[in-house]
Amino acid sequence: DPDGGARFVLEQLAALMRRDTSIELHVLGHSAGSIFLAPIVQALTSKGAIPNGPMKGEKGHNQTIATCTLWAPACTVDLFKQAYLPAITSSAI
């Protein structure tokens, strides 16, 4: 939801990371947390228009995540490939 709380926090976090490049972000999710974090990871780490996945059509923030830990992730393989794998392969995580 563009007006939701998670979107608000995402936008504030991205703005803070742009202002202070010394910020090191670490994300951790357990079970359904991997589903909740997927669009956040995708939006933070993508460059330009996001082609697929939960944030399709949105503009990425081109930030990096120092570490991403998923314990017993409940996300599907497709969601992982759309949201997490591009960040890993581009070294944004």
PDB file of N, CA and C in Angstrom:
ATOM      1  N   ASP A   1       0.844  -1.178   0.000  1.00  0.00           N
ATOM      2  CA  ASP A   1       0.000   0.000   0.000  1.00  0.00           C
ATOM      3  C   ASP A   1       0.891   1.243   0.000  1.00  0.00           C
ATOM      4  N   PRO A   2       0.744   2.090  -0.985  1.00  0.00           N
ATOM      5  CA  PRO A   2       1.560   3.306  -1.046  1.00  0.00           C
ATOM      6  C   PRO A   2       1.432   4.205   0.183  1.00  0.00           C
ATOM      7  N   ASP A   3       0.316   4.097   0.909  1.00  0.00           N
ATOM      8  CA  ASP A   3       0.108   4.930   2.091  1.00  0.00           C
ATOM      9  C   ASP A   3       0.320   4.165   3.395  1.00  0.00           C
ATOM     10  N   GLY A   4       0.841   2.950   3.303  1.00  0.00           N
ATOM     11  CA  GLY A   4       1.011   2.113   4.487  1.00  0.00           C
ATOM     12  C   GLY A   4       2.233   2.468   5.319  1.00  0.00           C
ATOM     13  N   GLY A   5       2.266   1.942   6.510  1.00  0.00           N
ATOM     14  CA  GLY A   5       3.349   2.213   7.438  1.00  0.00           C
ATOM     15  C   GLY A   5       4.698   1.684   6.968  1.00  0.00           C
ATOM     16  N   ALA A   6       4.703   0.484   6.375  1.00  0.00           N
ATOM     17  CA  ALA A   6       5.967  -0.076   5.899  1.00  0.00           C
ATOM     18  C   ALA A   6       6.537   0.776   4.771  1.00  0.00           C
ATOM     19  N   ARG A   7       5.663   1.276   3.898  1.00  0.00           N
ATOM     20  CA  ARG A   7       6.129   2.141   2.802  1.00  0.00           C
ATOM     21  C   ARG A   7       6.694   3.440   3.359  1.00  0.00           C
ATOM     22  N   PHE A   8       6.042   3.998   4.370  1.00  0.00           N
ATOM     23  CA  PHE A   8       6.525   5.222   4.995  1.00  0.00           C
ATOM     24  C   PHE A   8       7.919   5.008   5.583  1.00  0.00           C
ATOM     25  N   VAL A   9       8.096   3.909   6.307  1.00  0.00           N
ATOM     26  CA  VAL A   9       9.403   3.610   6.914  1.00  0.00           C
ATOM     27  C   VAL A   9      10.448   3.388   5.826  1.00  0.00           C
ATOM     28  N   LEU A  10      10.090   2.665   4.767  1.00  0.00           N
ATOM     29  CA  LEU A  10      11.009   2.435   3.651  1.00  0.00           C
ATOM     30  C   LEU A  10      11.498   3.757   3.068  1.00  0.00           C
ATOM     31  N   GLU A  11      10.585   4.669   2.799  1.00  0.00           N
ATOM     32  CA  GLU A  11      10.956   5.959   2.213  1.00  0.00           C
ATOM     33  C   GLU A  11      11.824   6.784   3.161  1.00  0.00           C
ATOM     34  N   GLN A  12      11.504   6.766   4.454  1.00  0.00           N
ATOM     35  CA  GLN A  12      12.302   7.499   5.436  1.00  0.00           C
ATOM     36  C   GLN A  12      13.697   6.893   5.557  1.00  0.00           C
ATOM     37  N   LEU A  13      13.781   5.573   5.568  1.00  0.00           N
ATOM     38  CA  LEU A  13      15.071   4.882   5.658  1.00  0.00           C
ATOM     39  C   LEU A  13      15.925   5.182   4.430  1.00  0.00           C
ATOM     40  N   ALA A  14      15.342   5.121   3.246  1.00  0.00           N
ATOM     41  CA  ALA A  14      16.089   5.412   2.019  1.00  0.00           C
ATOM     42  C   ALA A  14      16.611   6.848   2.025  1.00  0.00           C
ATOM     43  N   ALA A  15      15.786   7.787   2.463  1.00  0.00           N
ATOM     44  CA  ALA A  15      16.210   9.191   2.530  1.00  0.00           C
ATOM     45  C   ALA A  15      17.347   9.364   3.535  1.00  0.00           C
ATOM     46  N   LEU A  16      17.242   8.704   4.672  1.00  0.00           N
ATOM     47  CA  LEU A  16      18.297   8.772   5.683  1.00  0.00           C
ATOM     48  C   LEU A  16      19.598   8.193   5.141  1.00  0.00           C
ATOM     49  N   MET A  17      19.521   7.077   4.435  1.00  0.00           N
ATOM     50  CA  MET A  17      20.724   6.455   3.879  1.00  0.00           C
ATOM     51  C   MET A  17      21.356   7.324   2.794  1.00  0.00           C
ATOM     52  N   ARG A  18      20.548   8.063   2.052  1.00  0.00           N
ATOM     53  CA  ARG A  18      21.105   8.988   1.053  1.00  0.00           C
ATOM     54  C   ARG A  18      21.828  10.149   1.727  1.00  0.00           C
ATOM     55  N   ARG A  19      21.264  10.643   2.836  1.00  0.00           N
ATOM     56  CA  ARG A  19      21.876  11.770   3.552  1.00  0.00           C
ATOM     57  C   ARG A  19      23.134  11.367   4.289  1.00  0.00           C
ATOM     58  N   ASP A  20      23.155  10.176   4.842  1.00  0.00           N
ATOM     59  CA  ASP A  20      24.291   9.734   5.648  1.00  0.00           C
ATOM     60  C   ASP A  20      24.815   8.416   5.095  1.00  0.00           C
ATOM     61  N   THR A  21      25.822   8.509   4.253  1.00  0.00           N
ATOM     62  CA  THR A  21      26.346   7.318   3.579  1.00  0.00           C
ATOM     63  C   THR A  21      27.132   6.398   4.506  1.00  0.00           C
ATOM     64  N   SER A  22      27.332   6.805   5.748  1.00  0.00           N
ATOM     65  CA  SER A  22      28.038   5.931   6.694  1.00  0.00           C
ATOM     66  C   SER A  22      27.104   4.905   7.334  1.00  0.00           C
ATOM     67  N   ILE A  23      25.796   5.026   7.098  1.00  0.00           N
ATOM     68  CA  ILE A  23      24.840   4.084   7.682  1.00  0.00           C
ATOM     69  C   ILE A  23      25.039   2.707   7.073  1.00  0.00           C
ATOM     70  N   GLU A  24      25.116   1.722   7.934  1.00  0.00           N
ATOM     71  CA  GLU A  24      25.258   0.323   7.520  1.00  0.00           C
ATOM     72  C   GLU A  24      23.980  -0.402   7.935  1.00  0.00           C
ATOM     73  N   LEU A  25      23.242  -0.892   6.959  1.00  0.00           N
ATOM     74  CA  LEU A  25      21.963  -1.531   7.222  1.00  0.00           C
ATOM     75  C   LEU A  25      22.109  -3.054   7.246  1.00  0.00           C
ATOM     76  N   HIS A  26      21.543  -3.668   8.267  1.00  0.00           N
ATOM     77  CA  HIS A  26      21.494  -5.122   8.392  1.00  0.00           C
ATOM     78  C   HIS A  26      20.028  -5.498   8.535  1.00  0.00           C
ATOM     79  N   VAL A  27      19.564  -6.465   7.745  1.00  0.00           N
ATOM     80  CA  VAL A  27      18.175  -6.902   7.850  1.00  0.00           C
ATOM     81  C   VAL A  27      18.138  -8.373   8.233  1.00  0.00           C
ATOM     82  N   LEU A  28      17.131  -8.714   9.012  1.00  0.00           N
ATOM     83  CA  LEU A  28      16.966 -10.079   9.477  1.00  0.00           C
ATOM     84  C   LEU A  28      15.483 -10.403   9.500  1.00  0.00           C
ATOM     85  N   GLY A  29      15.145 -11.569   8.977  1.00  0.00           N
ATOM     86  CA  GLY A  29      13.758 -11.986   8.993  1.00  0.00           C
ATOM     87  C   GLY A  29      13.639 -13.463   9.308  1.00  0.00           C
ATOM     88  N   HIS A  30      12.622 -13.811  10.052  1.00  0.00           N
ATOM     89  CA  HIS A  30      12.333 -15.210  10.364  1.00  0.00           C
ATOM     90  C   HIS A  30      10.984 -15.571   9.753  1.00  0.00           C
ATOM     91  N   SER A  31      10.921 -16.693   9.078  1.00  0.00           N
ATOM     92  CA  SER A  31       9.694 -17.233   8.516  1.00  0.00           C
ATOM     93  C   SER A  31       9.003 -16.197   7.626  1.00  0.00           C
ATOM     94  N   ALA A  32       7.817 -15.731   7.997  1.00  0.00           N
ATOM     95  CA  ALA A  32       7.080 -14.772   7.175  1.00  0.00           C
ATOM     96  C   ALA A  32       7.792 -13.424   7.081  1.00  0.00           C
ATOM     97  N   GLY A  33       8.770 -13.189   7.935  1.00  0.00           N
ATOM     98  CA  GLY A  33       9.574 -11.974   7.837  1.00  0.00           C
ATOM     99  C   GLY A  33      10.276 -11.881   6.490  1.00  0.00           C
ATOM    100  N   SER A  34      10.593 -13.027   5.892  1.00  0.00           N
ATOM    101  CA  SER A  34      11.229 -13.017   4.575  1.00  0.00           C
ATOM    102  C   SER A  34      10.268 -12.500   3.506  1.00  0.00           C
ATOM    103  N   ILE A  35       8.985 -12.708   3.701  1.00  0.00           N
ATOM    104  CA  ILE A  35       7.968 -12.202   2.769  1.00  0.00           C
ATOM    105  C   ILE A  35       7.785 -10.700   2.988  1.00  0.00           C
ATOM    106  N   PHE A  36       7.724 -10.284   4.244  1.00  0.00           N
ATOM    107  CA  PHE A  36       7.578  -8.867   4.580  1.00  0.00           C
ATOM    108  C   PHE A  36       8.775  -8.055   4.082  1.00  0.00           C
ATOM    109  N   LEU A  37       9.992  -8.599   4.238  1.00  0.00           N
ATOM    110  CA  LEU A  37      11.199  -7.859   3.872  1.00  0.00           C
ATOM    111  C   LEU A  37      11.466  -7.827   2.371  1.00  0.00           C
ATOM    112  N   ALA A  38      10.914  -8.770   1.619  1.00  0.00           N
ATOM    113  CA  ALA A  38      11.220  -8.869   0.184  1.00  0.00           C
ATOM    114  C   ALA A  38      11.009  -7.556  -0.571  1.00  0.00           C
ATOM    115  N   PRO A  39       9.852  -6.913  -0.469  1.00  0.00           N
ATOM    116  CA  PRO A  39       9.695  -5.658  -1.208  1.00  0.00           C
ATOM    117  C   PRO A  39      10.591  -4.538  -0.678  1.00  0.00           C
ATOM    118  N   ILE A  40      10.896  -4.563   0.592  1.00  0.00           N
ATOM    119  CA  ILE A  40      11.781  -3.551   1.170  1.00  0.00           C
ATOM    120  C   ILE A  40      13.191  -3.723   0.619  1.00  0.00           C
ATOM    121  N   VAL A  41      13.682  -4.951   0.627  1.00  0.00           N
ATOM    122  CA  VAL A  41      15.008  -5.248   0.070  1.00  0.00           C
ATOM    123  C   VAL A  41      15.037  -4.891  -1.412  1.00  0.00           C
ATOM    124  N   GLN A  42      14.003  -5.295  -2.135  1.00  0.00           N
ATOM    125  CA  GLN A  42      13.957  -5.019  -3.568  1.00  0.00           C
ATOM    126  C   GLN A  42      13.968  -3.517  -3.836  1.00  0.00           C
ATOM    127  N   ALA A  43      13.158  -2.762  -3.116  1.00  0.00           N
ATOM    128  CA  ALA A  43      13.081  -1.311  -3.337  1.00  0.00           C
ATOM    129  C   ALA A  43      14.376  -0.604  -2.938  1.00  0.00           C
ATOM    130  N   LEU A  44      14.955  -1.002  -1.832  1.00  0.00           N
ATOM    131  CA  LEU A  44      16.181  -0.343  -1.382  1.00  0.00           C
ATOM    132  C   LEU A  44      17.352  -0.592  -2.325  1.00  0.00           C
ATOM    133  N   THR A  45      17.474  -1.807  -2.835  1.00  0.00           N
ATOM    134  CA  THR A  45      18.682  -2.184  -3.567  1.00  0.00           C
ATOM    135  C   THR A  45      18.578  -2.037  -5.075  1.00  0.00           C
ATOM    136  N   SER A  46      17.392  -1.884  -5.622  1.00  0.00           N
ATOM    137  CA  SER A  46      17.235  -1.791  -7.078  1.00  0.00           C
ATOM    138  C   SER A  46      17.667  -0.424  -7.587  1.00  0.00           C
ATOM    139  N   LYS A  47      18.139  -0.432  -8.837  1.00  0.00           N
ATOM    140  CA  LYS A  47      18.484   0.809  -9.528  1.00  0.00           C
ATOM    141  C   LYS A  47      17.435   1.048 -10.605  1.00  0.00           C
ATOM    142  N   GLY A  48      16.894   2.230 -10.668  1.00  0.00           N
ATOM    143  CA  GLY A  48      15.925   2.560 -11.710  1.00  0.00           C
ATOM    144  C   GLY A  48      14.597   1.847 -11.522  1.00  0.00           C
ATOM    145  N   ALA A  49      13.888   1.687 -12.624  1.00  0.00           N
ATOM    146  CA  ALA A  49      12.565   1.062 -12.592  1.00  0.00           C
ATOM    147  C   ALA A  49      12.705  -0.429 -12.280  1.00  0.00           C
ATOM    148  N   ILE A  50      11.866  -0.914 -11.398  1.00  0.00           N
ATOM    149  CA  ILE A  50      11.908  -2.319 -10.985  1.00  0.00           C
ATOM    150  C   ILE A  50      11.039  -3.113 -11.967  1.00  0.00           C
ATOM    151  N   PRO A  51      11.650  -4.123 -12.653  1.00  0.00           N
ATOM    152  CA  PRO A  51      10.936  -4.802 -13.737  1.00  0.00           C
ATOM    153  C   PRO A  51       9.921  -5.863 -13.314  1.00  0.00           C
ATOM    154  N   ASN A  52      10.083  -6.445 -12.116  1.00  0.00           N
ATOM    155  CA  ASN A  52       9.176  -7.517 -11.697  1.00  0.00           C
ATOM    156  C   ASN A  52       9.170  -7.629 -10.178  1.00  0.00           C
ATOM    157  N   GLY A  53       8.410  -8.563  -9.684  1.00  0.00           N
ATOM    158  CA  GLY A  53       8.374  -8.780  -8.246  1.00  0.00           C
ATOM    159  C   GLY A  53       7.398  -7.863  -7.537  1.00  0.00           C
ATOM    160  N   PRO A  54       7.462  -7.840  -6.203  1.00  0.00           N
ATOM    161  CA  PRO A  54       6.471  -7.103  -5.422  1.00  0.00           C
ATOM    162  C   PRO A  54       6.506  -5.591  -5.629  1.00  0.00           C
ATOM    163  N   MET A  55       7.618  -5.054  -6.063  1.00  0.00           N
ATOM    164  CA  MET A  55       7.719  -3.603  -6.259  1.00  0.00           C
ATOM    165  C   MET A  55       7.764  -3.228  -7.739  1.00  0.00           C
ATOM    166  N   LYS A  56       7.250  -4.103  -8.584  1.00  0.00           N
ATOM    167  CA  LYS A  56       7.242  -3.878 -10.035  1.00  0.00           C
ATOM    168  C   LYS A  56       6.686  -2.495 -10.366  1.00  0.00           C
ATOM    169  N   GLY A  57       7.436  -1.780 -11.213  1.00  0.00           N
ATOM    170  CA  GLY A  57       7.004  -0.464 -11.655  1.00  0.00           C
ATOM    171  C   GLY A  57       7.465   0.686 -10.777  1.00  0.00           C
ATOM    172  N   GLU A  58       7.929   0.362  -9.568  1.00  0.00           N
ATOM    173  CA  GLU A  58       8.428   1.403  -8.666  1.00  0.00           C
ATOM    174  C   GLU A  58       9.877   1.736  -9.031  1.00  0.00           C
ATOM    175  N   LYS A  59      10.359   2.844  -8.538  1.00  0.00           N
ATOM    176  CA  LYS A  59      11.750   3.243  -8.752  1.00  0.00           C
ATOM    177  C   LYS A  59      12.582   2.801  -7.549  1.00  0.00           C
ATOM    178  N   GLY A  60      13.679   2.094  -7.806  1.00  0.00           N
ATOM    179  CA  GLY A  60      14.560   1.640  -6.736  1.00  0.00           C
ATOM    180  C   GLY A  60      15.368   2.776  -6.141  1.00  0.00           C
ATOM    181  N   HIS A  61      15.886   2.550  -4.936  1.00  0.00           N
ATOM    182  CA  HIS A  61      16.634   3.580  -4.220  1.00  0.00           C
ATOM    183  C   HIS A  61      18.146   3.441  -4.346  1.00  0.00           C
ATOM    184  N   ASN A  62      18.624   2.362  -4.977  1.00  0.00           N
ATOM    185  CA  ASN A  62      20.053   2.183  -5.252  1.00  0.00           C
ATOM    186  C   ASN A  62      20.918   2.262  -3.983  1.00  0.00           C
ATOM    187  N   GLN A  63      20.486   1.598  -2.934  1.00  0.00           N
ATOM    188  CA  GLN A  63      21.233   1.550  -1.676  1.00  0.00           C
ATOM    189  C   GLN A  63      21.797   0.133  -1.483  1.00  0.00           C
ATOM    190  N   THR A  64      22.657  -0.009  -0.505  1.00  0.00           N
ATOM    191  CA  THR A  64      23.211  -1.326  -0.212  1.00  0.00           C
ATOM    192  C   THR A  64      22.763  -1.784   1.173  1.00  0.00           C
ATOM    193  N   ILE A  65      22.738  -3.082   1.337  1.00  0.00           N
ATOM    194  CA  ILE A  65      22.426  -3.711   2.613  1.00  0.00           C
ATOM    195  C   ILE A  65      23.657  -4.506   3.005  1.00  0.00           C
ATOM    196  N   ALA A  66      24.197  -4.232   4.181  1.00  0.00           N
ATOM    197  CA  ALA A  66      25.436  -4.880   4.609  1.00  0.00           C
ATOM    198  C   ALA A  66      25.248  -6.387   4.768  1.00  0.00           C
ATOM    199  N   THR A  67      24.181  -6.794   5.437  1.00  0.00           N
ATOM    200  CA  THR A  67      23.887  -8.218   5.591  1.00  0.00           C
ATOM    201  C   THR A  67      22.387  -8.440   5.549  1.00  0.00           C
ATOM    202  N   CYS A  68      22.022  -9.610   5.080  1.00  0.00           N
ATOM    203  CA  CYS A  68      20.619 -10.023   5.055  1.00  0.00           C
ATOM    204  C   CYS A  68      20.580 -11.468   5.532  1.00  0.00           C
ATOM    205  N   THR A  69      19.923 -11.688   6.647  1.00  0.00           N
ATOM    206  CA  THR A  69      19.825 -13.022   7.229  1.00  0.00           C
ATOM    207  C   THR A  69      18.370 -13.452   7.232  1.00  0.00           C
ATOM    208  N   LEU A  70      18.107 -14.602   6.649  1.00  0.00           N
ATOM    209  CA  LEU A  70      16.758 -15.153   6.622  1.00  0.00           C
ATOM    210  C   LEU A  70      16.784 -16.496   7.346  1.00  0.00           C
ATOM    211  N   TRP A  71      16.082 -16.583   8.456  1.00  0.00           N
ATOM    212  CA  TRP A  71      15.987 -17.813   9.235  1.00  0.00           C
ATOM    213  C   TRP A  71      14.689 -18.516   8.877  1.00  0.00           C
ATOM    214  N   ALA A  72      14.786 -19.752   8.416  1.00  0.00           N
ATOM    215  CA  ALA A  72      13.618 -20.549   8.022  1.00  0.00           C
ATOM    216  C   ALA A  72      12.665 -19.725   7.157  1.00  0.00           C
ATOM    217  N   PRO A  73      13.165 -19.173   6.049  1.00  0.00           N
ATOM    218  CA  PRO A  73      12.336 -18.271   5.250  1.00  0.00           C
ATOM    219  C   PRO A  73      11.104 -18.961   4.676  1.00  0.00           C
ATOM    220  N   ALA A  74       9.983 -18.275   4.746  1.00  0.00           N
ATOM    221  CA  ALA A  74       8.717 -18.787   4.222  1.00  0.00           C
ATOM    222  C   ALA A  74       8.428 -18.261   2.823  1.00  0.00           C
ATOM    223  N   CYS A  75       9.299 -17.426   2.281  1.00  0.00           N
ATOM    224  CA  CYS A  75       9.048 -16.893   0.941  1.00  0.00           C
ATOM    225  C   CYS A  75       9.215 -17.999  -0.101  1.00  0.00           C
ATOM    226  N   THR A  76       8.535 -17.833  -1.213  1.00  0.00           N
ATOM    227  CA  THR A  76       8.652 -18.799  -2.299  1.00  0.00           C
ATOM    228  C   THR A  76       9.987 -18.612  -3.017  1.00  0.00           C
ATOM    229  N   VAL A  77      10.371 -19.613  -3.773  1.00  0.00           N
ATOM    230  CA  VAL A  77      11.590 -19.508  -4.581  1.00  0.00           C
ATOM    231  C   VAL A  77      11.434 -18.371  -5.589  1.00  0.00           C
ATOM    232  N   ASP A  78      10.248 -18.229  -6.170  1.00  0.00           N
ATOM    233  CA  ASP A  78      10.017 -17.132  -7.124  1.00  0.00           C
ATOM    234  C   ASP A  78      10.216 -15.769  -6.473  1.00  0.00           C
ATOM    235  N   LEU A  79       9.672 -15.580  -5.280  1.00  0.00           N
ATOM    236  CA  LEU A  79       9.847 -14.308  -4.586  1.00  0.00           C
ATOM    237  C   LEU A  79      11.314 -14.069  -4.270  1.00  0.00           C
ATOM    238  N   PHE A  80      12.020 -15.103  -3.844  1.00  0.00           N
ATOM    239  CA  PHE A  80      13.453 -14.968  -3.575  1.00  0.00           C
ATOM    240  C   PHE A  80      14.191 -14.528  -4.841  1.00  0.00           C
ATOM    241  N   LYS A  81      13.874 -15.153  -5.955  1.00  0.00           N
ATOM    242  CA  LYS A  81      14.542 -14.823  -7.222  1.00  0.00           C
ATOM    243  C   LYS A  81      14.224 -13.404  -7.680  1.00  0.00           C
ATOM    244  N   GLN A  82      13.017 -12.925  -7.396  1.00  0.00           N
ATOM    245  CA  GLN A  82      12.629 -11.584  -7.818  1.00  0.00           C
ATOM    246  C   GLN A  82      13.195 -10.491  -6.913  1.00  0.00           C
ATOM    247  N   ALA A  83      13.200 -10.720  -5.607  1.00  0.00           N
ATOM    248  CA  ALA A  83      13.530  -9.651  -4.656  1.00  0.00           C
ATOM    249  C   ALA A  83      14.946  -9.732  -4.096  1.00  0.00           C
ATOM    250  N   TYR A  84      15.385 -10.934  -3.740  1.00  0.00           N
ATOM    251  CA  TYR A  84      16.682 -11.073  -3.067  1.00  0.00           C
ATOM    252  C   TYR A  84      17.836 -11.359  -4.030  1.00  0.00           C
ATOM    253  N   LEU A  85      17.617 -12.265  -4.973  1.00  0.00           N
ATOM    254  CA  LEU A  85      18.712 -12.685  -5.852  1.00  0.00           C
ATOM    255  C   LEU A  85      19.340 -11.546  -6.651  1.00  0.00           C
ATOM    256  N   PRO A  86      18.551 -10.629  -7.249  1.00  0.00           N
ATOM    257  CA  PRO A  86      19.191  -9.517  -7.954  1.00  0.00           C
ATOM    258  C   PRO A  86      20.074  -8.665  -7.030  1.00  0.00           C
ATOM    259  N   ALA A  87      19.650  -8.478  -5.800  1.00  0.00           N
ATOM    260  CA  ALA A  87      20.457  -7.710  -4.845  1.00  0.00           C
ATOM    261  C   ALA A  87      21.749  -8.437  -4.513  1.00  0.00           C
ATOM    262  N   ILE A  88      21.667  -9.749  -4.401  1.00  0.00           N
ATOM    263  CA  ILE A  88      22.870 -10.544  -4.109  1.00  0.00           C
ATOM    264  C   ILE A  88      23.826 -10.532  -5.292  1.00  0.00           C
ATOM    265  N   THR A  89      23.294 -10.804  -6.486  1.00  0.00           N
ATOM    266  CA  THR A  89      24.177 -10.888  -7.661  1.00  0.00           C
ATOM    267  C   THR A  89      24.774  -9.538  -8.046  1.00  0.00           C
ATOM    268  N   SER A  90      24.111  -8.448  -7.712  1.00  0.00           N
ATOM    269  CA  SER A  90      24.657  -7.108  -8.009  1.00  0.00           C
ATOM    270  C   SER A  90      25.563  -6.593  -6.890  1.00  0.00           C
ATOM    271  N   SER A  91      25.714  -7.389  -5.835  1.00  0.00           N
ATOM    272  CA  SER A  91      26.511  -6.999  -4.650  1.00  0.00           C
ATOM    273  C   SER A  91      25.872  -5.879  -3.851  1.00  0.00           C
ATOM    274  N   ALA A  92      24.567  -5.663  -4.028  1.00  0.00           N
ATOM    275  CA  ALA A  92      23.863  -4.672  -3.193  1.00  0.00           C
ATOM    276  C   ALA A  92      23.612  -5.248  -1.798  1.00  0.00           C
ATOM    277  N   ILE A  93      23.684  -6.563  -1.694  1.00  0.00           N
ATOM    278  CA  ILE A  93      23.712  -7.232  -0.376  1.00  0.00           C
ATOM    279  C   ILE A  93      25.072  -7.890  -0.303  1.00  0.00           C
TER     280      ILE A  93
END
